[in-house]
Protein backbone atom coordinates (compact mmCIF):
# COMPACT_ATOMS: atom_id res chain seq x y z
CA MET A 1 85.23 123.63 161.39
CA GLU A 2 82.95 125.50 158.85
CA PHE A 3 79.35 124.37 158.34
CA GLU A 4 77.20 125.10 155.17
CA PHE A 5 73.66 124.19 154.90
CA GLY A 6 74.15 122.04 158.17
CA LEU A 7 77.05 120.07 156.63
CA PRO A 8 80.63 120.12 157.82
CA VAL A 9 83.01 121.78 155.28
CA GLN A 10 86.42 120.17 155.46
CA LYS A 11 89.78 121.28 154.18
CA LEU A 12 91.50 118.58 152.19
CA ASN A 13 94.70 118.69 154.52
CA GLU A 14 92.76 117.87 157.45
CA ILE A 15 91.83 114.51 156.39
CA GLN A 16 94.08 111.66 156.66
CA HIS A 17 91.87 108.73 156.95
CA SER A 18 88.20 107.78 157.85
CA ASP A 19 85.75 105.15 156.67
CA PHE A 20 84.25 107.92 154.29
CA ILE A 21 87.06 109.78 152.81
CA TRP A 22 90.44 108.47 151.85
CA THR A 23 93.56 110.54 150.86
CA TRP A 24 96.66 108.86 149.63
CA LYS A 25 100.11 110.21 148.57
CA SER A 26 100.63 108.95 145.10
CA ASN A 27 104.41 108.42 145.63
CA LYS A 28 107.30 109.27 147.79
CA ARG A 29 108.38 112.06 145.54
CA SER A 30 104.96 113.73 144.99
CA SER A 31 103.03 115.90 147.33
CA ARG A 32 99.74 115.46 145.14
CA MET A 33 97.31 113.10 146.69
CA SER A 34 94.68 110.57 145.54
CA LEU A 35 91.22 111.22 146.81
CA TRP A 36 88.39 108.89 147.13
CA LEU A 37 84.97 110.52 147.97
CA PRO A 38 81.57 108.40 148.50
CA TYR A 39 78.33 109.39 147.08
CA TYR A 40 79.08 112.55 145.35
CA GLY A 41 76.56 115.17 145.08
CA LYS A 42 77.90 118.23 143.19
CA ALA A 43 80.87 120.24 142.67
CA GLU A 44 80.99 124.21 142.83
CA LYS A 45 83.76 126.80 142.06
CA ILE A 46 84.30 129.01 145.11
CA PRO A 47 84.08 132.74 143.54
CA ARG A 48 87.56 134.33 143.39
CA SER A 49 89.40 131.28 144.51
CA LYS A 50 91.16 128.38 142.88
CA HIS A 51 89.18 125.93 145.12
CA TRP A 52 86.22 123.87 144.51
CA LYS A 53 83.47 122.73 147.15
CA ILE A 54 82.67 119.02 146.52
CA SER A 55 79.51 117.63 148.45
CA TYR A 56 79.24 114.25 149.34
CA ASN A 57 77.19 112.09 151.62
CA GLY A 58 78.03 113.73 154.92
CA GLY A 59 79.81 116.87 154.32
CA ILE A 60 81.36 119.33 151.73
CA LEU A 61 85.13 119.00 150.91
CA GLU A 62 87.05 122.03 149.86
CA VAL A 63 89.84 121.16 147.44
CA ASP A 64 92.59 123.01 145.48
CA LEU A 65 92.80 120.61 142.45
CA SER A 66 96.57 121.49 142.10
CA SER A 67 97.16 119.16 145.18
CA ILE A 68 95.35 116.20 143.46
CA ASP A 69 96.38 113.68 140.95
CA PHE A 70 93.71 111.34 141.01
CA ILE A 71 89.78 111.33 142.21
CA MET A 72 87.50 108.28 142.46
CA LEU A 73 83.87 109.30 142.97
CA TYR A 74 82.28 106.00 144.60
CA GLY A 75 78.49 105.80 144.17
CA ALA A 76 78.19 109.07 142.44
CA THR A 77 74.49 110.48 141.88
CA GLY A 78 75.17 114.13 140.88
CA ASP A 79 75.99 116.30 137.94
CA LEU A 80 79.75 116.99 136.87
CA PRO A 81 80.11 120.55 135.55
CA VAL A 82 82.15 120.86 132.27
CA ALA A 83 84.30 123.43 133.98
CA PHE A 84 85.17 121.24 136.57
CA LEU A 85 86.23 118.44 134.03
CA ASP A 86 88.40 121.11 132.28
CA GLU A 87 90.13 121.96 135.32
CA LEU A 88 90.91 118.31 135.91
CA SER A 89 92.36 118.05 132.54
CA GLN A 90 94.48 121.32 133.17
CA HIS A 91 95.87 119.53 136.33
CA ARG A 92 96.26 116.19 134.50
CA ILE A 93 93.81 114.56 137.08
CA THR A 94 92.22 111.09 136.30
CA LEU A 95 88.59 110.88 137.34
CA ILE A 96 86.97 107.42 137.86
CA ILE A 97 83.27 106.97 138.70
CA HIS A 98 82.62 103.60 140.41
CA ARG A 99 80.00 101.64 142.34
CA ARG A 100 80.59 98.26 144.00
CA ASN A 101 78.23 96.55 141.57
CA GLN A 102 79.54 98.31 138.49
CA PRO A 103 82.12 95.90 136.84
CA PHE A 104 83.09 98.61 134.25
CA PRO A 105 83.72 102.11 135.69
CA TYR A 106 83.79 105.37 133.89
CA VAL A 107 87.27 106.82 133.45
CA PHE A 108 88.18 110.31 132.38
CA GLN A 109 91.64 110.24 131.48
CA PRO A 110 93.94 113.32 130.35
CA VAL A 111 96.30 112.64 127.54
CA PRO A 112 99.05 110.35 129.23
CA SER A 113 102.61 111.53 130.22
CA SER A 114 105.47 110.29 132.09
CA ASP A 115 104.97 109.35 135.72
CA ASP A 116 107.61 108.50 138.36
CA ALA A 117 105.17 105.92 139.72
CA ASP A 118 103.76 104.59 136.62
CA VAL A 119 102.32 101.37 138.38
CA LEU A 120 100.18 100.56 135.23
CA THR A 121 103.12 99.93 132.92
CA LYS A 122 105.01 97.91 135.63
CA GLN A 123 101.73 95.91 136.08
CA ILE A 124 101.71 95.00 132.35
CA LEU A 125 105.51 94.28 131.93
CA PHE A 126 105.36 92.14 135.09
CA ARG A 127 102.58 90.17 133.39
CA GLU A 128 104.57 89.68 130.28
CA ASN A 129 107.51 88.53 132.33
CA GLN A 130 106.87 84.80 132.96
CA ILE A 131 109.23 84.43 136.01
CA LYS A 132 107.46 87.47 137.80
CA ARG A 133 104.05 86.38 136.84
CA VAL A 134 104.40 82.98 138.02
CA TYR A 135 106.08 84.19 141.21
CA ILE A 136 103.06 86.51 142.02
CA ALA A 137 100.62 83.76 141.20
CA LYS A 138 102.50 81.21 143.65
CA THR A 139 102.56 83.85 146.15
CA LEU A 140 98.81 84.23 145.99
CA ILE A 141 98.05 80.59 145.95
CA LYS A 142 100.34 79.79 148.91
CA ALA A 143 98.48 82.48 150.89
CA ARG A 144 95.14 80.87 149.78
CA LEU A 145 96.51 77.37 150.76
CA SER A 146 97.67 78.66 154.23
CA GLN A 147 94.03 79.67 154.84
CA MET A 148 92.64 76.37 153.82
CA ALA A 149 94.86 74.69 156.39
CA GLY A 150 92.39 75.19 159.11
CA MET A 151 90.10 72.85 157.48
CA LEU A 152 92.33 70.78 155.32
CA ALA A 153 95.75 69.28 155.75
CA ILE A 154 98.12 70.70 153.15
CA SER A 155 101.05 68.34 152.81
CA PRO A 156 104.70 69.77 152.65
CA THR A 157 104.94 67.94 149.29
CA VAL A 158 102.19 70.10 147.86
CA LEU A 159 103.77 73.17 148.91
CA SER A 160 107.24 72.01 147.68
CA GLU A 161 105.73 71.49 144.27
CA LEU A 162 104.04 74.95 144.33
CA ALA A 163 107.57 76.58 145.09
CA LYS A 164 109.24 74.65 142.28
CA SER A 165 106.46 75.41 139.64
CA LYS A 166 107.87 77.35 136.73
CA LYS A 167 104.66 77.58 134.47
CA ILE A 168 101.44 79.39 135.36
CA GLU A 169 99.61 76.20 134.17
CA ASP A 170 101.38 74.33 137.00
CA VAL A 171 100.30 76.62 139.61
CA ARG A 172 96.72 76.63 138.39
CA ALA A 173 96.74 72.80 138.41
CA ILE A 174 97.98 72.63 142.16
CA GLU A 175 95.27 75.24 142.96
CA ALA A 176 92.57 73.25 141.39
CA HIS A 177 93.40 69.86 143.08
CA GLN A 178 93.57 71.31 146.40
CA THR A 179 90.55 73.46 146.01
CA ALA A 180 88.54 70.31 144.88
CA ARG A 181 89.72 68.62 148.26
CA TYR A 182 88.78 71.79 150.21
CA TRP A 183 85.11 72.00 148.57
CA LYS A 184 84.58 68.39 149.34
CA GLN A 185 85.57 69.03 152.86
CA TYR A 186 83.72 72.12 153.19
CA PHE A 187 80.27 70.63 152.24
CA THR A 188 81.04 67.57 154.22
CA GLY A 189 81.36 69.75 157.28
CA LEU A 190 77.85 71.25 156.38
CA LYS A 191 76.46 67.74 156.02
CA LEU A 192 75.46 68.44 152.53
CA ASP A 193 75.90 66.00 149.49
CA VAL A 194 76.44 68.70 146.86
CA SER A 195 79.49 70.20 145.09
CA ARG A 196 80.51 73.87 144.65
CA ARG A 197 79.44 73.94 141.08
CA GLU A 198 76.03 72.66 141.60
CA GLN A 199 73.12 75.06 141.92
CA SER A 200 72.13 75.17 145.43
CA PRO A 201 71.32 77.69 148.27
CA ILE A 202 74.84 77.47 149.47
CA ALA A 203 76.39 78.04 146.05
CA SER A 204 74.10 81.10 145.63
CA ALA A 205 75.41 82.50 149.00
CA LEU A 206 79.09 81.82 148.13
CA ASP A 207 78.61 83.72 144.72
CA ALA A 208 77.05 86.62 146.59
CA GLY A 209 79.86 86.71 149.01
CA SER A 210 82.40 86.54 146.30
CA LYS A 211 80.65 89.41 144.52
CA PHE A 212 80.68 91.42 147.48
CA LEU A 213 84.37 91.05 148.04
CA TYR A 214 85.14 91.58 144.48
CA GLY A 215 83.42 95.08 144.40
CA ILE A 216 85.58 96.13 147.38
CA MET A 217 88.84 94.69 145.74
CA LEU A 218 87.98 96.52 142.42
CA ARG A 219 87.65 99.87 144.24
CA TRP A 220 91.19 99.75 145.70
CA ILE A 221 92.67 98.41 142.26
CA LEU A 222 91.17 101.41 140.54
CA PHE A 223 92.09 103.81 143.31
CA HIS A 224 95.78 102.84 143.00
CA LYS A 225 95.76 103.07 139.29
CA MET A 226 96.00 99.64 138.06
CA SER A 227 94.20 97.74 135.41
CA PRO A 228 91.76 95.50 136.81
CA CYS A 229 91.97 93.46 133.60
CA HIS A 230 95.77 92.62 133.87
CA ALA A 231 96.02 89.56 136.27
CA TYR A 232 98.60 87.08 136.87
CA LEU A 233 96.75 83.91 137.73
CA HIS A 234 93.45 84.27 136.02
CA GLU A 235 92.70 84.75 132.33
CA PRO A 236 91.68 86.36 129.94
CA SER A 237 92.08 90.07 130.17
CA SER A 238 88.61 90.81 129.10
CA TYR A 239 87.09 90.99 132.42
CA PRO A 240 88.34 92.39 135.76
CA THR A 241 90.62 89.18 136.69
CA LEU A 242 93.04 91.21 138.86
CA ALA A 243 90.39 91.34 141.60
CA TYR A 244 89.91 87.76 141.57
CA ASP A 245 93.58 87.07 141.73
CA LEU A 246 93.85 89.38 144.73
CA MET A 247 90.81 87.68 146.47
CA GLU A 248 92.24 84.29 146.61
CA PRO A 249 93.95 84.76 150.01
CA TYR A 250 90.80 86.23 151.39
CA ARG A 251 87.98 84.03 150.17
CA TYR A 252 87.81 82.35 153.55
CA ILE A 253 86.21 85.50 154.85
CA PHE A 254 83.07 84.89 152.91
CA GLU A 255 83.17 81.28 153.01
CA GLU A 256 83.29 81.11 156.76
CA ALA A 257 80.29 83.69 156.72
CA VAL A 258 78.36 81.22 154.43
CA ALA A 259 79.07 78.25 156.67
CA ALA A 260 77.98 79.98 159.77
CA ALA A 261 74.60 81.36 158.12
CA ALA A 262 73.99 77.58 156.90
CA ALA A 263 74.58 76.26 160.42
CA SER A 264 71.61 78.41 161.63
CA GLY A 265 69.48 75.99 159.53
CA ILE A 266 68.35 78.48 156.79
CA GLY A 267 67.16 76.60 153.84
CA ASP A 268 65.52 79.43 151.62
CA SER A 269 68.14 80.55 149.18
CA LYS A 270 67.17 84.35 149.36
CA LYS A 271 67.32 84.25 153.18
CA LEU A 272 70.70 82.37 153.33
CA VAL A 273 72.17 84.81 151.02
CA ALA A 274 70.86 87.81 153.17
CA LYS A 275 71.99 86.01 156.27
CA SER A 276 75.36 85.29 154.70
CA LEU A 277 76.00 88.80 153.78
CA SER A 278 75.12 90.24 157.07
CA ILE A 279 77.58 87.78 158.68
CA LEU A 280 80.27 88.72 156.26
CA LYS A 281 79.83 92.67 156.91
CA ASP A 282 80.19 91.88 160.50
CA ASN A 283 83.41 89.75 159.98
CA LEU A 284 84.95 92.41 157.86
CA GLU A 285 84.65 94.73 160.95
CA VAL A 286 86.41 92.18 163.19
CA ILE A 287 89.76 93.53 164.44
CA VAL A 288 92.77 91.23 163.48
CA TYR A 289 96.45 91.23 163.93
CA VAL A 290 98.68 91.42 160.99
CA PRO A 291 102.10 90.00 161.84
CA ALA A 292 103.94 91.35 158.55
CA THR A 293 103.12 94.82 159.55
CA ARG A 294 102.71 94.51 163.26
CA GLN A 295 99.44 96.15 163.35
CA TYR A 296 95.80 95.70 164.34
CA VAL A 297 93.22 96.61 161.74
CA ARG A 298 89.66 95.59 160.79
CA ARG A 299 89.68 92.67 158.52
CA LYS A 300 88.34 94.62 155.51
CA ASN A 301 91.51 96.63 155.37
CA LEU A 302 93.36 93.40 154.41
CA LEU A 303 91.75 93.63 150.95
CA HIS A 304 93.11 97.14 150.63
CA GLY A 305 96.52 95.90 151.78
CA ALA A 306 96.66 93.28 149.10
CA VAL A 307 96.50 96.00 146.41
CA LEU A 308 99.12 98.08 148.43
CA ALA A 309 101.31 94.89 148.62
CA LEU A 310 101.16 94.23 144.72
CA ARG A 311 101.87 98.15 144.20
CA ALA A 312 104.86 98.15 146.45
CA TYR A 313 106.31 95.07 144.62
CA LEU A 314 105.61 96.28 140.97
CA LEU A 315 107.23 99.71 141.69
CA GLY A 316 110.32 97.97 143.04
CA GLU A 317 109.94 99.26 146.76
CA VAL A 318 110.24 95.71 148.06
CA PRO A 319 112.18 92.55 146.66
CA ARG A 320 109.18 90.25 147.47
CA LEU A 321 105.35 90.40 147.51
CA VAL A 322 104.43 90.31 151.06
CA LEU A 323 100.56 90.00 151.34
CA PRO A 324 98.91 91.19 154.70
CA GLN A 325 97.34 87.99 156.45
CA GLU A 326 95.85 87.88 159.94
CA GLY A 327 97.71 85.91 162.48
CA LYS A 328 99.23 86.02 165.97
CA ARG A 329 101.84 88.38 167.55
CA LYS A 330 105.11 86.68 167.38
CA GLY A 331 108.87 87.83 167.88
CA GLY A 332 111.64 88.26 165.10
CA ARG A 333 112.13 90.89 162.56
CA PRO A 334 109.16 91.50 160.36
CA PRO A 335 109.52 91.45 156.49
CA LYS A 336 109.83 94.61 154.35
CA THR A 337 106.45 95.18 153.22
CA GLY A 338 106.77 98.52 151.36
CA TYR A 339 103.35 99.61 152.93
CA ARG A 340 101.48 100.26 156.01
CA LEU A 341 97.73 99.01 156.42
CA PRO A 342 95.35 102.05 156.49
CA GLY A 343 93.00 102.13 159.38
CA GLU A 344 95.34 100.96 162.27
CA THR A 345 93.40 100.53 165.48
CA LYS A 346 93.66 98.67 168.71
CA PRO A 347 91.92 95.30 169.82
CA GLY A 348 88.60 96.05 171.61
CA LYS A 349 87.82 99.29 169.83
CA GLU A 350 84.23 99.79 168.78
CA ASN A 351 83.51 98.81 165.24
CA GLY A 352 82.98 101.25 162.45
CA GLY A 353 81.02 100.99 159.19
CA ILE A 354 82.39 99.63 155.73
């Protein structure tokens, strides 16, 4: 590996996956890749070459832009040369600049053309199709209810009603009723006489945890070229509702973190939020088993997997939406998921960063 100013210079084809750089083949018929780079610094054209050197936090990436179809600069701080933007347009590359706490990212989009894997069009068409929309919403809520089951008994009748629901309003009504029961049990377990909607240190910590997961989910929605504002369960389309849709099966991650922080006896709101987020970050690094794909991954990769699951379903690669959920190893034939979770690891492996 080369070094420049003490930083490693990597070729794009050397990178498969790490916690800091992601590459992703856009579809089965294309050799062009999507690229996510954290904390971009600058881009410089290499003299007498088609390649660019892009510096980021931790190294320099040498890139031939003809091999790219999408770039996300996450937490960018540097300048973008106009010549770099011109070449992105020449190669019809979409560029997004995003930060976790930035709800509306910057998007540099060349004039649209046909795309073999036009997931955005599929996303909107499925949203307009009430049968498909209700199916996606039911799948998300069923996964959410399965995570509530550890604290709350979900009767077979409720699951049957959910399965028979044909209107999005019916799905929301079932979710609202069971969620109200869940929060009552949640706060009873913490020995607190408050509700989820009341202002309290617990509510502030839950809101902070939700915002933290939302930022991660939004990153992957944008990375896989979906619209964050076209959802199936939540409305309207004036804010990034899809992130909240896909968070439903994974809310337990921050809810458990807040419960653990509250159990430590912290009463101050700011300290409770800080403690909850610290536990949440640790919990995201825990290695879990995913029966649907028969993989061990860190829990944070479930969030990326939810986006991959929806993408595979929208593009018709699988007949059903199969969300990744942690569970125990079991026999039998696994379902067709249409994706593999990134970051596969082994139990007991040392944790890495988010």
